[in-house]
Amino acid sequence: NPLTAGALLLPATATILLFNVIGERLTRQGRFRIAIALGMAFLAAGCFILTFLDGTYGSLLPGFILVGIGIGLQITPATELAVTASGAGEGVASGVFKATSMIGGSIGVALAATVFQSSASSKLGSEIAADPTSFKGRTETTLLDVITGSQTPVGLPDVVKRATDGAFEAAAGDAMFVGVAAALAGLVIALTLLGRGGTDEAPAPEAGSD
């Protein structure tokens, strides 16, 4: 139920709040590069761990914690750097930053959903081809509906239930590689484009900017 799901996500939320304090401290020190790079590294590690799911909460918890550390470390310095270093004025920079964040999030969700559906469909197709008798009358599409919650799994034979559970875990793990790739890209950008002049200080806004 929603209450249980929310409670299970609390370790990630609590970790974000805890490490956001450290991110803010690094921001005040002008250490944008190290904060963002560390955040992206933890985020990539957390997403990578989440590619190995075994159907237990224990397999989720380490990834949740690392993802929370990553988000907490980098969200404040990334926002501050985007707003203060652009030279476009805080209002414009803040608007552009929020818009690009929303666009990036939407693209990431779309890519992850595409990977998830493709992986789940492939896994289910293999299961059906290997044992067509047990899956008689059931197609990849109908079983995908079970995985996504559009149909209830109640009444499914055990072999079909195991197949849908396995396909969900495999597909969810594959989808997390999108997060790994995005976080590694952020890490490379942080290391190569920030502080190339030998300092982590944000560049001063151009003269005459708002």
Protein backbone atom coordinates (compact mmCIF):
# COMPACT_ATOMS: atom_id res chain seq x y z
CA ASN A 1 0.00 0.00 0.00
CA PRO A 2 1.10 3.65 -0.40
CA LEU A 3 1.92 4.10 3.30
CA THR A 4 4.21 1.07 3.33
CA ALA A 5 5.86 2.12 0.08
CA GLY A 6 6.52 5.59 1.48
CA ALA A 7 7.98 4.15 4.67
CA LEU A 8 10.32 1.91 2.69
CA LEU A 9 11.63 4.98 0.83
CA LEU A 10 12.41 6.86 4.04
CA PRO A 11 16.10 5.80 4.13
CA ALA A 12 16.67 7.54 0.80
CA THR A 13 14.76 10.65 1.90
CA ALA A 14 16.55 10.84 5.24
CA THR A 15 19.93 10.42 3.55
CA ILE A 16 19.16 13.24 1.10
CA LEU A 17 18.30 15.58 3.98
CA LEU A 18 21.40 14.59 5.96
CA PHE A 19 23.92 14.96 3.14
CA ASN A 20 22.28 18.10 1.81
CA VAL A 21 23.80 19.81 4.85
CA ILE A 22 27.25 18.69 3.71
CA GLY A 23 26.49 19.86 0.17
CA GLU A 24 25.49 23.28 1.48
CA ARG A 25 28.71 23.53 3.49
CA LEU A 26 30.81 22.68 0.43
CA THR A 27 28.84 25.26 -1.54
CA ARG A 28 29.61 27.99 1.01
CA GLN A 29 33.29 27.04 0.68
CA GLY A 30 33.05 27.40 -3.10
CA ARG A 31 33.93 23.72 -3.61
CA PHE A 32 31.36 23.16 -6.34
CA ARG A 33 33.35 20.67 -8.35
CA ILE A 34 34.12 18.25 -5.54
CA ALA A 35 30.52 18.37 -4.23
CA ILE A 36 28.95 17.75 -7.63
CA ALA A 37 31.52 15.13 -8.66
CA LEU A 38 31.16 13.21 -5.39
CA GLY A 39 27.39 13.43 -5.64
CA MET A 40 27.38 12.04 -9.16
CA ALA A 41 29.80 9.27 -8.18
CA PHE A 42 27.57 8.16 -5.30
CA LEU A 43 24.51 8.44 -7.53
CA ALA A 44 26.12 6.25 -10.20
CA ALA A 45 27.15 3.68 -7.58
CA GLY A 46 23.66 3.59 -6.10
CA CYS A 47 22.00 3.15 -9.48
CA PHE A 48 24.49 0.42 -10.37
CA ILE A 49 23.70 -1.50 -7.18
CA LEU A 50 20.00 -1.24 -8.04
CA THR A 51 20.65 -3.13 -11.27
CA PHE A 52 21.05 -6.26 -9.11
CA LEU A 53 17.61 -6.93 -7.63
CA ASP A 54 16.53 -10.20 -6.04
CA GLY A 55 13.02 -9.34 -4.92
CA THR A 56 13.99 -8.42 -1.35
CA TYR A 57 14.09 -5.04 0.37
CA GLY A 58 17.65 -5.77 1.41
CA SER A 59 18.73 -5.59 -2.24
CA LEU A 60 17.18 -2.10 -2.52
CA LEU A 61 18.43 -0.51 0.70
CA PRO A 62 22.14 0.00 -0.17
CA GLY A 63 21.21 1.54 -3.52
CA PHE A 64 18.62 3.81 -1.88
CA ILE A 65 21.19 5.08 0.61
CA LEU A 66 23.87 5.74 -2.01
CA VAL A 67 21.39 7.49 -4.30
CA GLY A 68 20.28 9.62 -1.36
CA ILE A 69 23.89 10.57 -0.59
CA GLY A 70 24.47 11.50 -4.22
CA ILE A 71 21.39 13.68 -4.52
CA GLY A 72 22.02 15.34 -1.17
CA LEU A 73 25.62 16.24 -1.98
CA GLN A 74 25.10 17.73 -5.42
CA ILE A 75 21.66 19.35 -5.50
CA THR A 76 22.57 22.57 -3.65
CA PRO A 77 25.94 23.27 -5.34
CA ALA A 78 24.51 22.44 -8.78
CA THR A 79 21.61 24.84 -8.25
CA GLU A 80 23.82 27.58 -6.81
CA LEU A 81 26.37 27.26 -9.59
CA ALA A 82 23.74 27.35 -12.31
CA VAL A 83 22.07 30.44 -10.86
CA THR A 84 25.11 32.52 -9.91
CA ALA A 85 27.65 31.66 -12.60
CA SER A 86 25.58 32.13 -15.75
CA GLY A 87 25.76 35.91 -15.90
CA ALA A 88 22.13 35.98 -17.06
CA GLY A 89 20.62 37.24 -13.84
CA GLU A 90 19.20 35.12 -11.05
CA GLY A 91 15.63 35.19 -12.33
CA VAL A 92 16.47 34.05 -15.85
CA ALA A 93 19.10 31.54 -14.70
CA SER A 94 16.76 30.03 -12.10
CA GLY A 95 13.98 29.67 -14.66
CA VAL A 96 16.25 28.06 -17.24
CA PHE A 97 17.73 25.72 -14.62
CA LYS A 98 14.29 24.57 -13.45
CA ALA A 99 13.06 24.12 -17.02
CA THR A 100 16.09 22.09 -18.08
CA SER A 101 15.86 20.00 -14.90
CA MET A 102 12.25 19.14 -15.71
CA ILE A 103 13.09 18.36 -19.33
CA GLY A 104 16.04 16.20 -18.30
CA GLY A 105 13.91 14.35 -15.76
CA SER A 106 11.20 13.73 -18.34
CA ILE A 107 13.72 12.41 -20.86
CA GLY A 108 15.29 10.18 -18.21
CA VAL A 109 11.93 8.73 -17.16
CA ALA A 110 10.98 8.13 -20.80
CA LEU A 111 14.27 6.36 -21.53
CA ALA A 112 14.07 4.24 -18.38
CA ALA A 113 10.45 3.30 -19.13
CA THR A 114 11.41 2.32 -22.68
CA VAL A 115 14.26 0.14 -21.44
CA PHE A 116 12.00 -1.39 -18.78
CA GLN A 117 9.26 -2.32 -21.22
CA SER A 118 11.65 -3.65 -23.83
CA SER A 119 13.53 -5.76 -21.27
CA ALA A 120 10.37 -7.09 -19.64
CA SER A 121 8.85 -7.95 -23.01
CA SER A 122 11.99 -9.79 -24.06
CA LYS A 123 12.15 -11.73 -20.80
CA LEU A 124 8.49 -12.70 -20.97
CA GLY A 125 8.83 -13.71 -24.61
CA SER A 126 11.65 -16.05 -23.69
CA GLU A 127 9.61 -17.57 -20.85
CA ILE A 128 6.58 -18.11 -23.10
CA ALA A 129 8.70 -19.66 -25.85
CA ALA A 130 10.38 -22.01 -23.37
CA ASP A 131 7.12 -23.28 -21.86
CA PRO A 132 4.15 -22.46 -24.14
CA THR A 133 1.86 -24.95 -22.38
CA SER A 134 2.06 -23.16 -19.03
CA PHE A 135 1.42 -19.80 -20.71
CA LYS A 136 -1.42 -20.96 -22.94
CA GLY A 137 -3.80 -18.09 -23.68
CA ARG A 138 -1.42 -15.49 -22.29
CA THR A 139 0.68 -13.10 -24.37
CA GLU A 140 3.54 -10.73 -23.63
CA THR A 141 1.08 -7.83 -23.68
CA THR A 142 -1.28 -9.31 -21.10
CA LEU A 143 1.60 -10.25 -18.82
CA LEU A 144 3.13 -6.77 -19.18
CA ASP A 145 -0.21 -5.44 -17.93
CA VAL A 146 0.25 -7.60 -14.84
CA ILE A 147 3.76 -6.26 -14.30
CA THR A 148 2.69 -2.62 -14.66
CA GLY A 149 -0.34 -3.11 -12.41
CA SER A 150 -2.99 -2.72 -15.09
CA GLN A 151 -4.17 -6.25 -14.31
CA THR A 152 -4.20 -8.09 -11.01
CA PRO A 153 -1.86 -11.07 -10.56
CA VAL A 154 -4.48 -12.84 -8.42
CA GLY A 155 -5.31 -16.26 -9.81
CA LEU A 156 -2.19 -16.63 -11.94
CA PRO A 157 -0.53 -20.06 -11.90
CA ASP A 158 2.67 -20.18 -9.89
CA VAL A 159 4.86 -20.62 -12.96
CA VAL A 160 3.34 -17.52 -14.57
CA LYS A 161 3.63 -15.52 -11.34
CA ARG A 162 7.31 -16.44 -11.04
CA ALA A 163 7.86 -15.42 -14.64
CA THR A 164 6.26 -12.00 -14.18
CA ASP A 165 8.16 -11.40 -10.93
CA GLY A 166 11.45 -12.36 -12.58
CA ALA A 167 10.73 -10.21 -15.63
CA PHE A 168 9.92 -7.23 -13.40
CA GLU A 169 13.14 -7.55 -11.41
CA ALA A 170 15.27 -7.97 -14.54
CA ALA A 171 13.60 -5.07 -16.34
CA ALA A 172 13.83 -2.75 -13.33
CA GLY A 173 17.53 -3.54 -13.02
CA ASP A 174 18.12 -2.88 -16.72
CA ALA A 175 16.24 0.43 -16.49
CA MET A 176 18.60 1.60 -13.75
CA PHE A 177 21.46 1.60 -16.26
CA VAL A 178 19.91 4.81 -17.63
CA GLY A 179 20.58 6.38 -14.24
CA VAL A 180 24.11 4.98 -14.17
CA ALA A 181 24.86 6.49 -17.59
CA ALA A 182 23.37 9.87 -16.68
CA ALA A 183 25.27 10.04 -13.38
CA LEU A 184 28.57 9.07 -15.02
CA ALA A 185 28.01 11.76 -17.66
CA GLY A 186 27.45 14.26 -14.86
CA LEU A 187 30.63 13.09 -13.13
CA VAL A 188 32.69 13.56 -16.30
CA ILE A 189 31.20 17.02 -16.87
CA ALA A 190 31.89 18.04 -13.27
CA LEU A 191 35.52 16.92 -13.48
CA THR A 192 36.26 18.36 -16.92
CA LEU A 193 34.23 21.56 -17.15
CA LEU A 194 34.21 22.86 -13.57
CA GLY A 195 37.27 24.45 -12.05
CA ARG A 196 39.49 24.08 -15.11
CA GLY A 197 41.25 27.24 -14.04
CA GLY A 198 42.52 25.50 -10.90
CA THR A 199 39.73 26.62 -8.55
CA ASP A 200 36.30 25.39 -7.63
CA GLU A 201 35.01 28.91 -7.23
CA ALA A 202 32.02 29.83 -9.36
CA PRO A 203 32.93 32.38 -12.02
CA ALA A 204 31.83 35.90 -11.23
CA PRO A 205 28.78 37.16 -13.18
CA GLU A 206 29.52 39.50 -16.05
CA ALA A 207 29.49 43.20 -15.33
CA GLY A 208 26.08 44.79 -15.80
CA SER A 209 24.15 41.57 -15.27
CA ASP A 210 21.13 41.58 -12.94
